Structures are given as structure tokens and as C-alpha cells.
Amino acid sequence: MEQERILLGILDDATKISICYVRLYVYLCDISSRTRLDSLVDSTNDILAHFRYLCNLATVSIPVEGIDEAIGALVDPVINKCFQISITATEAANLIDSHNTQLGLVKDSTLSNESKGLLIEGLARTKQKYDDIRSRDIPEQDSLLSAIRDFSAFLKDLYGKDLFLFKA
């Protein structure tokens, strides 16, 4: 049934965002993960676009009591996590670029010792900023996971069976 596919798609996209959020902190543990951070931002944006499309489609085409409230309760936590992923991953990727650029310049044999010293200081500051990002506490996903559970319960009430196996 088309209605069921749309609602399950919404729940699936919300769960994918939760997984992307965990991946972000795995990728931050490796300073060589520049490409993976970019890919994570791209996939997060793609999932968010699909999620918003399905949410809009559901609210205008599925005449079920409580659908607007159920979807509305899921939208904010998903958007907040997407924002956190994009900002943190982009910030980390920029620092990795800066680190690699400075590292390349430090190895340049044509630079004076004074210039190399300044670049080494900049390299240390960049590495410290990256380490600060990595050491941040991972904010709890309670709001997103709670919204996912609530939406899953809404679907169970609607269809009389568990349609999604995600249990957080």
C-alpha cells in the first residue's frame, strides 16, 4: 500500500539520520577521513531532502487522524541532528584541509626557518582545534530516538502490527 510505504519511508529516513550521527563521531577519530566527512554531509543532506519530501507528501495525501502531529513531532529532532552533522563535519573537514596544507608547507625546503616555525605553530593550533571537536561530548540522541519510537508506535496503532524493527 502506498500510504504504508510513505510512512515507513519517513521512519526509515529518521533512522538513517540517527546512524549518520553516530558515523560522524567515528569519522572524527581519524584525521585522514576528509572524504568520508564530505560524503557524510552529502548523504545527510540527501536523506533530509527525501525525508522532507515524504513528510510533505504524507501530510497532504494521507487522511489519517493525528498524522500531522505524529510527523511534526519527528521533523524537528531530525532537522536538528542533520544540522549538527553538517556543521560539525564541515568544520572538521576544513580543519583537516588546513592541517594538510600547513603540513605540506612545513615540508617545503624553500621556506625559511622562521616561516617554517610560524607554520608549525599554526599546525599545532589547527590540530588543537580538531582535537577539541573530537573531544566534545556526543550530545544525546534522546530526542531523536524518542521521536522515532513515538512514530513507530503511531504506525503500530495505525496498522495494528509492528512495521519497523528499530528498537532504541
N, C-alpha and C. Protein backbone atom coordinates (compact mmCIF):
# COMPACT_ATOMS: atom_id res chain seq x y z
N MET A 1 0.84 -1.17 0.00
CA MET A 1 0.00 0.00 0.00
C MET A 1 0.89 1.24 0.00
N GLU A 2 0.53 2.22 -0.82
CA GLU A 2 1.32 3.44 -0.98
C GLU A 2 1.43 4.24 0.32
N GLN A 3 0.34 4.33 1.05
CA GLN A 3 0.32 5.06 2.32
C GLN A 3 1.34 4.46 3.29
N GLU A 4 1.35 3.15 3.38
CA GLU A 4 2.27 2.45 4.27
C GLU A 4 3.72 2.69 3.85
N ARG A 5 3.98 2.66 2.55
CA ARG A 5 5.33 2.88 2.03
C ARG A 5 5.83 4.28 2.40
N ILE A 6 4.98 5.26 2.27
CA ILE A 6 5.37 6.65 2.59
C ILE A 6 5.70 6.77 4.08
N LEU A 7 4.84 6.24 4.93
CA LEU A 7 5.06 6.37 6.38
C LEU A 7 6.28 5.58 6.84
N LEU A 8 6.50 4.42 6.25
CA LEU A 8 7.71 3.65 6.59
C LEU A 8 8.96 4.37 6.07
N GLY A 9 8.84 5.02 4.92
CA GLY A 9 9.97 5.78 4.38
C GLY A 9 10.37 6.92 5.31
N ILE A 10 9.39 7.58 5.89
CA ILE A 10 9.66 8.65 6.85
C ILE A 10 10.44 8.11 8.04
N LEU A 11 9.96 7.00 8.57
CA LEU A 11 10.63 6.39 9.72
C LEU A 11 12.02 5.90 9.36
N ASP A 12 12.17 5.32 8.18
CA ASP A 12 13.46 4.83 7.72
C ASP A 12 14.46 5.98 7.58
N ASP A 13 14.03 7.09 7.00
CA ASP A 13 14.92 8.25 6.85
C ASP A 13 15.35 8.80 8.21
N ALA A 14 14.43 8.86 9.16
CA ALA A 14 14.78 9.34 10.51
C ALA A 14 15.83 8.44 11.14
N THR A 15 15.68 7.14 10.94
CA THR A 15 16.64 6.19 11.49
C THR A 15 18.00 6.32 10.80
N LYS A 16 18.00 6.55 9.50
CA LYS A 16 19.26 6.76 8.77
C LYS A 16 20.01 7.98 9.30
N ILE A 17 19.28 9.03 9.64
CA ILE A 17 19.92 10.23 10.21
C ILE A 17 20.56 9.89 11.55
N SER A 18 19.89 9.09 12.35
CA SER A 18 20.46 8.66 13.63
C SER A 18 21.78 7.91 13.40
N ILE A 19 21.81 7.07 12.38
CA ILE A 19 23.02 6.31 12.06
C ILE A 19 24.11 7.24 11.54
N CYS A 20 23.75 8.21 10.72
CA CYS A 20 24.73 9.19 10.22
C CYS A 20 25.37 9.95 11.38
N TYR A 21 24.58 10.24 12.38
CA TYR A 21 25.07 10.98 13.55
C TYR A 21 26.15 10.18 14.28
N VAL A 22 25.94 8.88 14.40
CA VAL A 22 26.94 8.02 15.04
C VAL A 22 28.19 7.93 14.16
N ARG A 23 27.99 7.82 12.85
CA ARG A 23 29.13 7.75 11.93
C ARG A 23 30.01 8.99 12.02
N LEU A 24 29.39 10.15 12.22
CA LEU A 24 30.15 11.38 12.34
C LEU A 24 31.23 11.24 13.40
N TYR A 25 30.86 10.73 14.55
CA TYR A 25 31.83 10.63 15.64
C TYR A 25 32.85 9.52 15.43
N VAL A 26 32.52 8.55 14.62
CA VAL A 26 33.51 7.54 14.24
C VAL A 26 34.53 8.17 13.28
N TYR A 27 34.04 8.93 12.30
CA TYR A 27 34.93 9.55 11.32
C TYR A 27 35.83 10.61 11.95
N LEU A 28 35.37 11.27 12.99
CA LEU A 28 36.19 12.29 13.64
C LEU A 28 37.41 11.70 14.34
N CYS A 29 37.41 10.40 14.56
CA CYS A 29 38.54 9.75 15.23
C CYS A 29 39.72 9.55 14.29
N ASP A 30 39.55 9.84 13.01
CA ASP A 30 40.60 9.61 12.02
C ASP A 30 40.80 10.88 11.22
N ILE A 31 41.95 11.52 11.39
CA ILE A 31 42.20 12.80 10.72
C ILE A 31 42.36 12.64 9.21
N SER A 32 42.44 11.41 8.74
CA SER A 32 42.53 11.19 7.29
C SER A 32 41.14 10.96 6.67
N SER A 33 40.08 11.20 7.44
CA SER A 33 38.73 10.87 6.98
C SER A 33 38.05 12.03 6.26
N ARG A 34 38.82 12.89 5.63
CA ARG A 34 38.27 14.08 4.96
C ARG A 34 37.18 13.72 3.95
N THR A 35 37.43 12.75 3.12
CA THR A 35 36.47 12.35 2.09
C THR A 35 35.21 11.78 2.72
N ARG A 36 35.37 11.00 3.76
CA ARG A 36 34.20 10.42 4.42
C ARG A 36 33.34 11.50 5.08
N LEU A 37 33.96 12.54 5.62
CA LEU A 37 33.19 13.64 6.22
C LEU A 37 32.37 14.37 5.15
N ASP A 38 33.00 14.62 4.00
CA ASP A 38 32.26 15.25 2.89
C ASP A 38 31.10 14.38 2.44
N SER A 39 31.37 13.10 2.31
CA SER A 39 30.34 12.15 1.88
C SER A 39 29.20 12.09 2.89
N LEU A 40 29.54 12.17 4.16
CA LEU A 40 28.53 12.15 5.22
C LEU A 40 27.61 13.37 5.12
N VAL A 41 28.19 14.53 4.90
CA VAL A 41 27.38 15.75 4.75
C VAL A 41 26.45 15.61 3.55
N ASP A 42 26.99 15.13 2.43
CA ASP A 42 26.17 14.94 1.22
C ASP A 42 25.03 13.96 1.46
N SER A 43 25.34 12.82 2.08
CA SER A 43 24.29 11.82 2.29
C SER A 43 23.26 12.31 3.31
N THR A 44 23.71 13.05 4.31
CA THR A 44 22.78 13.61 5.29
C THR A 44 21.82 14.58 4.61
N ASN A 45 22.36 15.43 3.75
CA ASN A 45 21.51 16.38 3.03
C ASN A 45 20.53 15.67 2.10
N ASP A 46 20.99 14.60 1.45
CA ASP A 46 20.11 13.82 0.57
C ASP A 46 18.98 13.16 1.36
N ILE A 47 19.34 12.57 2.50
CA ILE A 47 18.33 11.91 3.34
C ILE A 47 17.32 12.94 3.84
N LEU A 48 17.81 14.10 4.27
CA LEU A 48 16.92 15.15 4.76
C LEU A 48 15.96 15.62 3.68
N ALA A 49 16.46 15.79 2.46
CA ALA A 49 15.60 16.22 1.36
C ALA A 49 14.50 15.18 1.10
N HIS A 50 14.87 13.91 1.10
CA HIS A 50 13.89 12.83 0.88
C HIS A 50 12.90 12.78 2.04
N PHE A 51 13.41 12.91 3.25
CA PHE A 51 12.57 12.90 4.45
C PHE A 51 11.52 14.01 4.38
N ARG A 52 11.95 15.22 4.03
CA ARG A 52 11.02 16.35 3.97
C ARG A 52 9.99 16.15 2.85
N TYR A 53 10.43 15.59 1.74
CA TYR A 53 9.50 15.30 0.65
C TYR A 53 8.42 14.32 1.12
N LEU A 54 8.85 13.23 1.77
CA LEU A 54 7.88 12.23 2.24
C LEU A 54 6.95 12.82 3.30
N CYS A 55 7.49 13.65 4.18
CA CYS A 55 6.65 14.28 5.21
C CYS A 55 5.58 15.16 4.57
N ASN A 56 5.98 15.96 3.61
CA ASN A 56 5.01 16.81 2.91
C ASN A 56 3.97 15.98 2.17
N LEU A 57 4.44 14.94 1.51
CA LEU A 57 3.54 14.05 0.78
C LEU A 57 2.53 13.40 1.73
N ALA A 58 3.01 12.96 2.87
CA ALA A 58 2.12 12.29 3.84
C ALA A 58 1.08 13.25 4.38
N THR A 59 1.49 14.46 4.72
CA THR A 59 0.54 15.39 5.34
C THR A 59 -0.54 15.86 4.36
N VAL A 60 -0.23 15.87 3.06
CA VAL A 60 -1.26 16.31 2.10
C VAL A 60 -2.05 15.16 1.49
N SER A 61 -1.52 13.93 1.57
CA SER A 61 -2.20 12.85 0.85
C SER A 61 -2.70 11.70 1.72
N ILE A 62 -2.36 11.71 3.01
CA ILE A 62 -2.81 10.60 3.86
C ILE A 62 -3.82 11.13 4.87
N PRO A 63 -5.08 10.80 4.68
CA PRO A 63 -6.14 11.31 5.57
C PRO A 63 -6.30 10.45 6.82
N VAL A 64 -5.31 10.52 7.71
CA VAL A 64 -5.34 9.74 8.95
C VAL A 64 -5.33 10.71 10.12
N GLU A 65 -6.20 10.49 11.06
CA GLU A 65 -6.25 11.37 12.23
C GLU A 65 -4.92 11.30 13.00
N GLY A 66 -4.38 12.45 13.31
CA GLY A 66 -3.14 12.53 14.09
C GLY A 66 -1.87 12.48 13.26
N ILE A 67 -1.99 12.36 11.94
CA ILE A 67 -0.79 12.25 11.10
C ILE A 67 0.06 13.51 11.17
N ASP A 68 -0.57 14.68 11.16
CA ASP A 68 0.19 15.93 11.21
C ASP A 68 1.02 16.04 12.49
N GLU A 69 0.40 15.68 13.62
CA GLU A 69 1.10 15.77 14.90
C GLU A 69 2.23 14.74 14.98
N ALA A 70 1.96 13.52 14.50
CA ALA A 70 2.97 12.47 14.55
C ALA A 70 4.19 12.83 13.71
N ILE A 71 3.96 13.35 12.52
CA ILE A 71 5.07 13.75 11.65
C ILE A 71 5.75 15.00 12.21
N GLY A 72 4.96 15.95 12.68
CA GLY A 72 5.52 17.17 13.25
C GLY A 72 6.46 16.90 14.41
N ALA A 73 6.14 15.91 15.23
CA ALA A 73 6.99 15.58 16.38
C ALA A 73 8.31 14.95 15.95
N LEU A 74 8.35 14.40 14.75
CA LEU A 74 9.57 13.76 14.25
C LEU A 74 10.45 14.75 13.48
N VAL A 75 9.84 15.76 12.88
CA VAL A 75 10.57 16.66 11.98
C VAL A 75 11.67 17.44 12.71
N ASP A 76 11.35 18.09 13.81
CA ASP A 76 12.35 18.93 14.50
C ASP A 76 13.59 18.15 14.95
N PRO A 77 13.44 17.00 15.61
CA PRO A 77 14.64 16.25 16.00
C PRO A 77 15.50 15.81 14.81
N VAL A 78 14.85 15.44 13.70
CA VAL A 78 15.61 15.04 12.51
C VAL A 78 16.38 16.23 11.95
N ILE A 79 15.72 17.37 11.82
CA ILE A 79 16.38 18.56 11.28
C ILE A 79 17.52 19.01 12.20
N ASN A 80 17.32 18.96 13.50
CA ASN A 80 18.37 19.34 14.45
C ASN A 80 19.60 18.46 14.31
N LYS A 81 19.40 17.15 14.19
CA LYS A 81 20.55 16.24 14.05
C LYS A 81 21.24 16.47 12.71
N CYS A 82 20.49 16.70 11.65
CA CYS A 82 21.10 16.99 10.35
C CYS A 82 21.96 18.24 10.42
N PHE A 83 21.46 19.25 11.10
CA PHE A 83 22.21 20.49 11.27
C PHE A 83 23.51 20.23 12.03
N GLN A 84 23.43 19.47 13.12
CA GLN A 84 24.63 19.16 13.91
C GLN A 84 25.64 18.37 13.09
N ILE A 85 25.16 17.41 12.32
CA ILE A 85 26.07 16.61 11.48
C ILE A 85 26.77 17.51 10.47
N SER A 86 26.00 18.31 9.76
CA SER A 86 26.57 19.14 8.69
C SER A 86 27.57 20.15 9.23
N ILE A 87 27.22 20.83 10.31
CA ILE A 87 28.11 21.84 10.87
C ILE A 87 29.40 21.21 11.38
N THR A 88 29.28 20.16 12.17
CA THR A 88 30.47 19.52 12.77
C THR A 88 31.35 18.90 11.71
N ALA A 89 30.76 18.18 10.76
CA ALA A 89 31.55 17.52 9.72
C ALA A 89 32.25 18.54 8.83
N THR A 90 31.56 19.62 8.49
CA THR A 90 32.17 20.66 7.65
C THR A 90 33.30 21.36 8.38
N GLU A 91 33.08 21.66 9.64
CA GLU A 91 34.12 22.29 10.46
C GLU A 91 35.36 21.39 10.54
N ALA A 92 35.13 20.11 10.78
CA ALA A 92 36.24 19.16 10.88
C ALA A 92 36.96 19.02 9.53
N ALA A 93 36.21 18.95 8.45
CA ALA A 93 36.81 18.82 7.12
C ALA A 93 37.67 20.03 6.79
N ASN A 94 37.22 21.22 7.14
CA ASN A 94 38.00 22.44 6.90
C ASN A 94 39.29 22.43 7.70
N LEU A 95 39.22 21.95 8.93
CA LEU A 95 40.43 21.86 9.76
C LEU A 95 41.41 20.83 9.19
N ILE A 96 40.88 19.72 8.66
CA ILE A 96 41.76 18.73 8.05
C ILE A 96 42.46 19.34 6.84
N ASP A 97 41.72 20.11 6.03
CA ASP A 97 42.33 20.78 4.88
C ASP A 97 43.44 21.72 5.33
N SER A 98 43.16 22.51 6.35
CA SER A 98 44.14 23.45 6.87
C SER A 98 45.38 22.72 7.39
N HIS A 99 45.13 21.64 8.11
CA HIS A 99 46.22 20.82 8.66
C HIS A 99 47.10 20.29 7.53
N ASN A 100 46.48 19.73 6.51
CA ASN A 100 47.24 19.14 5.40
C ASN A 100 48.00 20.20 4.62
N THR A 101 47.40 21.37 4.43
CA THR A 101 48.07 22.46 3.72
C THR A 101 49.29 22.92 4.50
N GLN A 102 49.11 23.14 5.79
CA GLN A 102 50.23 23.58 6.62
C GLN A 102 51.32 22.53 6.67
N LEU A 103 50.92 21.28 6.74
CA LEU A 103 51.89 20.19 6.80
C LEU A 103 52.72 20.16 5.52
N GLY A 104 52.05 20.38 4.37
CA GLY A 104 52.78 20.43 3.10
C GLY A 104 53.75 21.59 3.04
N LEU A 105 53.34 22.74 3.56
CA LEU A 105 54.21 23.91 3.55
C LEU A 105 55.40 23.74 4.49
N VAL A 106 55.18 23.11 5.63
CA VAL A 106 56.28 22.89 6.58
C VAL A 106 57.37 22.04 5.93
N LYS A 107 56.97 21.11 5.05
CA LYS A 107 57.94 20.23 4.39
C LYS A 107 58.62 20.90 3.20
N ASP A 108 58.15 22.10 2.81
CA ASP A 108 58.71 22.81 1.66
C ASP A 108 60.13 23.28 1.98
N SER A 109 61.09 22.77 1.22
CA SER A 109 62.50 23.07 1.51
C SER A 109 62.88 24.51 1.17
N THR A 110 62.03 25.23 0.43
CA THR A 110 62.38 26.60 0.05
C THR A 110 61.98 27.63 1.11
N LEU A 111 61.24 27.21 2.13
CA LEU A 111 60.81 28.15 3.15
C LEU A 111 61.93 28.41 4.15
N SER A 112 61.94 29.63 4.68
CA SER A 112 62.93 29.97 5.71
C SER A 112 62.56 29.26 7.01
N ASN A 113 63.52 29.15 7.90
CA ASN A 113 63.26 28.52 9.20
C ASN A 113 62.22 29.31 9.98
N GLU A 114 62.24 30.64 9.82
CA GLU A 114 61.25 31.47 10.51
C GLU A 114 59.84 31.15 9.99
N SER A 115 59.68 31.05 8.68
CA SER A 115 58.38 30.71 8.09
C SER A 115 57.93 29.32 8.53
N LYS A 116 58.88 28.39 8.53
CA LYS A 116 58.54 27.03 8.97
C LYS A 116 58.09 27.03 10.43
N GLY A 117 58.75 27.83 11.25
CA GLY A 117 58.37 27.91 12.66
C GLY A 117 56.95 28.43 12.83
N LEU A 118 56.61 29.46 12.06
CA LEU A 118 55.25 30.00 12.11
C LEU A 118 54.23 28.98 11.64
N LEU A 119 54.58 28.24 10.59
CA LEU A 119 53.67 27.21 10.08
C LEU A 119 53.49 26.08 11.08
N ILE A 120 54.56 25.73 11.77
CA ILE A 120 54.47 24.67 12.79
C ILE A 120 53.57 25.12 13.93
N GLU A 121 53.67 26.38 14.31
CA GLU A 121 52.76 26.92 15.34
C GLU A 121 51.30 26.86 14.86
N GLY A 122 51.09 27.25 13.59
CA GLY A 122 49.75 27.18 13.03
C GLY A 122 49.24 25.75 12.95
N LEU A 123 50.14 24.83 12.64
CA LEU A 123 49.79 23.41 12.58
C LEU A 123 49.34 22.91 13.95
N ALA A 124 50.05 23.34 14.97
CA ALA A 124 49.68 22.93 16.33
C ALA A 124 48.32 23.49 16.73
N ARG A 125 48.05 24.76 16.36
CA ARG A 125 46.74 25.36 16.66
C ARG A 125 45.61 24.64 15.92
N THR A 126 45.86 24.32 14.65
CA THR A 126 44.84 23.61 13.86
C THR A 126 44.57 22.23 14.45
N LYS A 127 45.64 21.54 14.82
CA LYS A 127 45.46 20.21 15.42
C LYS A 127 44.70 20.31 16.74
N GLN A 128 44.97 21.34 17.51
CA GLN A 128 44.27 21.53 18.78
C GLN A 128 42.78 21.78 18.55
N LYS A 129 42.45 22.58 17.54
CA LYS A 129 41.04 22.83 17.22
C LYS A 129 40.34 21.53 16.82
N TYR A 130 41.03 20.72 16.02
CA TYR A 130 40.45 19.44 15.60
C TYR A 130 40.27 18.52 16.80
N ASP A 131 41.27 18.47 17.67
CA ASP A 131 41.16 17.65 18.88
C ASP A 131 40.02 18.13 19.77
N ASP A 132 39.79 19.45 19.80
CA ASP A 132 38.67 19.99 20.58
C ASP A 132 37.33 19.49 20.03
N ILE A 133 37.21 19.44 18.70
CA ILE A 133 35.98 18.91 18.11
C ILE A 133 35.81 17.44 18.50
N ARG A 134 36.90 16.68 18.39
CA ARG A 134 36.83 15.25 18.71
C ARG A 134 36.51 14.98 20.16
N SER A 135 36.93 15.89 21.04
CA SER A 135 36.73 15.65 22.48
C SER A 135 35.37 16.13 22.99
N ARG A 136 34.60 16.77 22.12
CA ARG A 136 33.27 17.23 22.55
C ARG A 136 32.43 16.02 22.96
N ASP A 137 31.64 16.24 23.99
CA ASP A 137 30.70 15.19 24.36
C ASP A 137 29.72 14.99 23.23
N ILE A 138 29.40 13.76 22.96
CA ILE A 138 28.38 13.48 21.95
C ILE A 138 27.04 13.81 22.57
N PRO A 139 26.36 14.82 22.03
CA PRO A 139 25.04 15.14 22.60
C PRO A 139 24.12 13.94 22.50
N GLU A 140 23.32 13.78 23.49
CA GLU A 140 22.40 12.65 23.50
C GLU A 140 21.46 12.70 22.31
N GLN A 141 21.12 11.55 21.82
CA GLN A 141 20.17 11.46 20.72
C GLN A 141 18.78 11.18 21.26
N ASP A 142 18.59 11.40 22.56
CA ASP A 142 17.31 11.03 23.17
C ASP A 142 16.11 11.62 22.45
N SER A 143 16.20 12.88 22.04
CA SER A 143 15.04 13.50 21.41
C SER A 143 14.72 12.82 20.08
N LEU A 144 15.74 12.51 19.30
CA LEU A 144 15.51 11.84 18.02
C LEU A 144 15.04 10.40 18.22
N LEU A 145 15.70 9.68 19.10
CA LEU A 145 15.30 8.28 19.33
C LEU A 145 13.91 8.19 19.93
N SER A 146 13.57 9.11 20.81
CA SER A 146 12.23 9.14 21.38
C SER A 146 11.19 9.42 20.29
N ALA A 147 11.51 10.37 19.40
CA ALA A 147 10.58 10.69 18.30
C ALA A 147 10.42 9.50 17.36
N ILE A 148 11.51 8.78 17.12
CA ILE A 148 11.44 7.58 16.27
C ILE A 148 10.56 6.52 16.92
N ARG A 149 10.75 6.31 18.22
CA ARG A 149 9.91 5.33 18.94
C ARG A 149 8.44 5.74 18.91
N ASP A 150 8.18 7.02 19.14
CA ASP A 150 6.79 7.50 19.12
C ASP A 150 6.15 7.33 17.75
N PHE A 151 6.90 7.63 16.69
CA PHE A 151 6.35 7.48 15.35
C PHE A 151 6.11 6.00 15.03
N SER A 152 7.04 5.15 15.48
CA SER A 152 6.87 3.71 15.30
C SER A 152 5.62 3.22 16.03
N ALA A 153 5.38 3.75 17.23
CA ALA A 153 4.17 3.37 17.99
C ALA A 153 2.92 3.87 17.27
N PHE A 154 3.00 5.06 16.67
CA PHE A 154 1.88 5.59 15.88
C PHE A 154 1.55 4.64 14.74
N LEU A 155 2.60 4.16 14.04
CA LEU A 155 2.38 3.23 12.93
C LEU A 155 1.79 1.91 13.43
N LYS A 156 2.26 1.46 14.59
CA LYS A 156 1.73 0.22 15.14
C LYS A 156 0.24 0.37 15.46
N ASP A 157 -0.12 1.51 16.04
CA ASP A 157 -1.54 1.77 16.33
C ASP A 157 -2.36 1.86 15.04
N LEU A 158 -1.76 2.46 14.02
CA LEU A 158 -2.46 2.66 12.76
C LEU A 158 -2.70 1.34 12.03
N TYR A 159 -1.69 0.48 12.02
CA TYR A 159 -1.77 -0.76 11.24
C TYR A 159 -1.99 -2.01 12.09
N GLY A 160 -1.91 -1.86 13.41
CA GLY A 160 -2.15 -3.00 14.29
C GLY A 160 -1.02 -4.00 14.34
N LYS A 161 0.15 -3.61 13.85
CA LYS A 161 1.31 -4.51 13.90
C LYS A 161 2.58 -3.67 13.82
N ASP A 162 3.67 -4.28 14.29
CA ASP A 162 4.97 -3.62 14.17
C ASP A 162 5.42 -3.68 12.72
N LEU A 163 5.63 -2.53 12.12
CA LEU A 163 6.07 -2.50 10.74
C LEU A 163 7.55 -2.15 10.64
N PHE A 164 8.13 -1.74 11.73
CA PHE A 164 9.52 -1.34 11.71
C PHE A 164 10.23 -1.97 12.89
N LEU A 165 11.38 -2.54 12.66
CA LEU A 165 12.03 -3.34 13.70
C LEU A 165 13.00 -2.55 14.56
N PHE A 166 13.19 -1.26 14.25
CA PHE A 166 14.15 -0.46 15.00
C PHE A 166 13.67 -0.29 16.44
N LYS A 167 14.47 -0.79 17.38
CA LYS A 167 14.15 -0.64 18.80
C LYS A 167 15.32 0.05 19.46
N ALA A 168 15.11 1.26 19.90
CA ALA A 168 16.21 2.00 20.53
C ALA A 168 15.92 2.22 21.99
